[in-house]
Amino acid sequence: MTTKKLSELAKTIRSKNAGVNKITFDVIFRDRATYDAVKRSGALTRASVAALYGIADTRISDFVQYDPGLAIKFTLYRLTPSGSAGDGDIFGAQQYAPLLDIPVPLDR
């Protein structure tokens, strides 16, 4: 079985604000075969995201496998509102980095 990093398989991996209290993440793929392989692998799930970010499952407001867009999308509740004291990423644009190195086991 081959393993690749998520960043090698996805066309786009990004994060951004979804209002002042949430950050949304998009992992978008170029083709159906790769998207389906990542879904089958179980590497990117609600549980794996919670573990990766060291958060409770309750901080994930949405987790969607969006087949028409070949995308896996999820949204996290922020600990502090965007731009408030203690907010380290006002735009939420730097939060995707942990996703890049997720190992994805692939079928042959």
Foldseek 3Di string as FASTA:
>chain_A
DDKDALLVFFPDWWWWDPAFFKIKIKTFGDDDVSLVQQVVQPLDDLVNVCVLVVHDSVQKPDWDCDNVRSMTMTMGTDPGTQPDPPDPDNTGTPPRVSRGGRMGDGDD
